[in-house]
Amino acid sequence: MPLVKKDGLPEKAREIIDQLKFHFNCQYDEKDSIGKRYRRQDAIGTPYCVTVDHDTLNDGCVTLRFRDTMEQERVKIEDLNGIIEDKVSIASLLKKLQ
């Protein structure tokens, strides 16, 4: 989700979603404020939200928000796929249970 609908943020968000959509079920959202978008995604059960902000264009990092804890962390775009895969992969879950 881009933080705002201008300044190149939607384009960067689309670029990121294009990378992730082959690995995960992704949804793009830029309507309403970021808080309302988080709540809407929480309501439909989206476990992780990725937010692109102005700093993303400078440092190559996005904010990853966790639905269950509402915690947020800055992660590098190139690490995003691996981080999400580790969280949702059944193989990762089984490895943690051993």
C-alpha atoms as a PDB file:
ATOM      1  CA  MET A   1       0.000   0.000   0.000  1.00  0.00           C
ATOM      2  CA  PRO A   2       1.402   3.403  -0.868  1.00  0.00           C
ATOM      3  CA  LEU A   3       1.207   5.885   1.999  1.00  0.00           C
ATOM      4  CA  VAL A   4      -0.180   8.534  -0.387  1.00  0.00           C
ATOM      5  CA  LYS A   5      -1.395   8.516  -4.000  1.00  0.00           C
ATOM      6  CA  LYS A   6       1.397  10.752  -5.337  1.00  0.00           C
ATOM      7  CA  ASP A   7       5.138  11.354  -5.438  1.00  0.00           C
ATOM      8  CA  GLY A   8       5.885   8.036  -7.154  1.00  0.00           C
ATOM      9  CA  LEU A   9       4.693   5.927  -4.221  1.00  0.00           C
ATOM     10  CA  PRO A  10       1.899   4.109  -6.116  1.00  0.00           C
ATOM     11  CA  GLU A  11       4.341   3.198  -8.871  1.00  0.00           C
ATOM     12  CA  LYS A  12       6.850   1.814  -6.371  1.00  0.00           C
ATOM     13  CA  ALA A  13       4.071  -0.109  -4.578  1.00  0.00           C
ATOM     14  CA  ARG A  14       2.947  -1.637  -7.897  1.00  0.00           C
ATOM     15  CA  GLU A  15       6.541  -2.631  -8.637  1.00  0.00           C
ATOM     16  CA  ILE A  16       6.783  -4.430  -5.286  1.00  0.00           C
ATOM     17  CA  ILE A  17       3.414  -6.153  -5.669  1.00  0.00           C
ATOM     18  CA  ASP A  18       4.446  -7.328  -9.131  1.00  0.00           C
ATOM     19  CA  GLN A  19       7.411  -9.101  -7.495  1.00  0.00           C
ATOM     20  CA  LEU A  20       5.341 -10.662  -4.708  1.00  0.00           C
ATOM     21  CA  LYS A  21       2.186 -11.685  -6.586  1.00  0.00           C
ATOM     22  CA  PHE A  22       3.785 -14.808  -8.059  1.00  0.00           C
ATOM     23  CA  HIS A  23       4.554 -16.119  -4.565  1.00  0.00           C
ATOM     24  CA  PHE A  24       1.653 -14.854  -2.448  1.00  0.00           C
ATOM     25  CA  ASN A  25      -1.974 -13.796  -2.710  1.00  0.00           C
ATOM     26  CA  CYS A  26      -1.607  -9.998  -2.839  1.00  0.00           C
ATOM     27  CA  GLN A  27      -4.033  -7.109  -2.808  1.00  0.00           C
ATOM     28  CA  TYR A  28      -3.282  -3.506  -3.743  1.00  0.00           C
ATOM     29  CA  ASP A  29      -5.086  -0.729  -1.843  1.00  0.00           C
ATOM     30  CA  GLU A  30      -4.692   3.031  -1.999  1.00  0.00           C
ATOM     31  CA  LYS A  31      -8.195   4.200  -1.040  1.00  0.00           C
ATOM     32  CA  ASP A  32      -8.689   6.081   2.282  1.00  0.00           C
ATOM     33  CA  SER A  33      -6.153   6.831   5.010  1.00  0.00           C
ATOM     34  CA  ILE A  34      -3.487   4.290   5.918  1.00  0.00           C
ATOM     35  CA  GLY A  35      -5.217   3.532   9.235  1.00  0.00           C
ATOM     36  CA  LYS A  36      -8.498   2.715   7.501  1.00  0.00           C
ATOM     37  CA  ARG A  37      -6.670   0.558   4.984  1.00  0.00           C
ATOM     38  CA  TYR A  38      -4.934  -1.358   7.782  1.00  0.00           C
ATOM     39  CA  ARG A  39      -8.296  -1.935   9.485  1.00  0.00           C
ATOM     40  CA  ARG A  40      -9.903  -3.068   6.229  1.00  0.00           C
ATOM     41  CA  GLN A  41      -7.063  -5.548   5.644  1.00  0.00           C
ATOM     42  CA  ASP A  42      -7.312  -6.735   9.265  1.00  0.00           C
ATOM     43  CA  ALA A  43     -11.044  -7.366   8.777  1.00  0.00           C
ATOM     44  CA  ILE A  44     -10.517  -9.578   5.721  1.00  0.00           C
ATOM     45  CA  GLY A  45      -7.706 -11.494   7.422  1.00  0.00           C
ATOM     46  CA  THR A  46      -4.604 -10.183   5.652  1.00  0.00           C
ATOM     47  CA  PRO A  47      -1.735 -11.297   7.923  1.00  0.00           C
ATOM     48  CA  TYR A  48       0.854  -8.770   6.661  1.00  0.00           C
ATOM     49  CA  CYS A  49       0.627  -5.334   5.086  1.00  0.00           C
ATOM     50  CA  VAL A  50       3.474  -3.702   3.216  1.00  0.00           C
ATOM     51  CA  THR A  51       3.499   0.094   3.177  1.00  0.00           C
ATOM     52  CA  VAL A  52       5.558   2.187   0.785  1.00  0.00           C
ATOM     53  CA  ASP A  53       6.407   5.666   2.079  1.00  0.00           C
ATOM     54  CA  HIS A  54       8.644   8.534   1.048  1.00  0.00           C
ATOM     55  CA  ASP A  55      11.658   6.961   2.777  1.00  0.00           C
ATOM     56  CA  THR A  56      11.221   3.870   0.585  1.00  0.00           C
ATOM     57  CA  LEU A  57      12.340   5.829  -2.441  1.00  0.00           C
ATOM     58  CA  ASN A  58      15.554   6.806  -0.623  1.00  0.00           C
ATOM     59  CA  ASP A  59      16.504   3.766   1.452  1.00  0.00           C
ATOM     60  CA  GLY A  60      14.851   0.848  -0.395  1.00  0.00           C
ATOM     61  CA  CYS A  61      12.946  -0.245   2.719  1.00  0.00           C
ATOM     62  CA  VAL A  62       9.227  -0.682   3.371  1.00  0.00           C
ATOM     63  CA  THR A  63       7.162  -0.978   6.518  1.00  0.00           C
ATOM     64  CA  LEU A  64       5.902  -4.491   7.207  1.00  0.00           C
ATOM     65  CA  ARG A  65       2.905  -4.537   9.568  1.00  0.00           C
ATOM     66  CA  PHE A  66       1.850  -7.695  11.377  1.00  0.00           C
ATOM     67  CA  ARG A  67      -1.936  -8.060  11.782  1.00  0.00           C
ATOM     68  CA  ASP A  68      -1.947 -10.082  15.003  1.00  0.00           C
ATOM     69  CA  THR A  69       0.381  -7.835  16.999  1.00  0.00           C
ATOM     70  CA  MET A  70       0.018  -4.602  14.983  1.00  0.00           C
ATOM     71  CA  GLU A  71       3.800  -4.310  15.239  1.00  0.00           C
ATOM     72  CA  GLN A  72       5.648  -2.686  12.382  1.00  0.00           C
ATOM     73  CA  GLU A  73       9.206  -3.060  11.195  1.00  0.00           C
ATOM     74  CA  ARG A  74      11.262  -1.595   8.389  1.00  0.00           C
ATOM     75  CA  VAL A  75      12.631  -4.219   6.032  1.00  0.00           C
ATOM     76  CA  LYS A  76      14.573  -4.066   2.790  1.00  0.00           C
ATOM     77  CA  ILE A  77      12.511  -4.645  -0.322  1.00  0.00           C
ATOM     78  CA  GLU A  78      14.845  -7.416  -1.480  1.00  0.00           C
ATOM     79  CA  ASP A  79      14.327  -9.261   1.861  1.00  0.00           C
ATOM     80  CA  LEU A  80      10.534  -8.967   1.781  1.00  0.00           C
ATOM     81  CA  ASN A  81       9.814 -12.179  -0.135  1.00  0.00           C
ATOM     82  CA  GLY A  82      11.992 -14.260   2.198  1.00  0.00           C
ATOM     83  CA  ILE A  83      10.541 -12.709   5.350  1.00  0.00           C
ATOM     84  CA  ILE A  84       6.938 -13.297   4.305  1.00  0.00           C
ATOM     85  CA  GLU A  85       7.713 -16.790   3.028  1.00  0.00           C
ATOM     86  CA  ASP A  86       9.305 -17.661   6.361  1.00  0.00           C
ATOM     87  CA  LYS A  87       6.166 -16.476   8.167  1.00  0.00           C
ATOM     88  CA  VAL A  88       3.558 -18.222   5.994  1.00  0.00           C
ATOM     89  CA  SER A  89       5.354 -21.294   4.647  1.00  0.00           C
ATOM     90  CA  ILE A  90       4.150 -24.633   5.957  1.00  0.00           C
ATOM     91  CA  ALA A  91       7.725 -25.918   5.681  1.00  0.00           C
ATOM     92  CA  SER A  92       8.937 -23.128   7.976  1.00  0.00           C
ATOM     93  CA  LEU A  93       6.161 -23.922  10.451  1.00  0.00           C
ATOM     94  CA  LEU A  94       7.063 -27.606  10.508  1.00  0.00           C
ATOM     95  CA  LYS A  95      10.725 -26.763  10.988  1.00  0.00           C
ATOM     96  CA  LYS A  96       9.844 -24.616  14.014  1.00  0.00           C
ATOM     97  CA  LEU A  97       7.769 -27.429  15.509  1.00  0.00           C
ATOM     98  CA  GLN A  98      10.642 -29.933  15.399  1.00  0.00           C
END
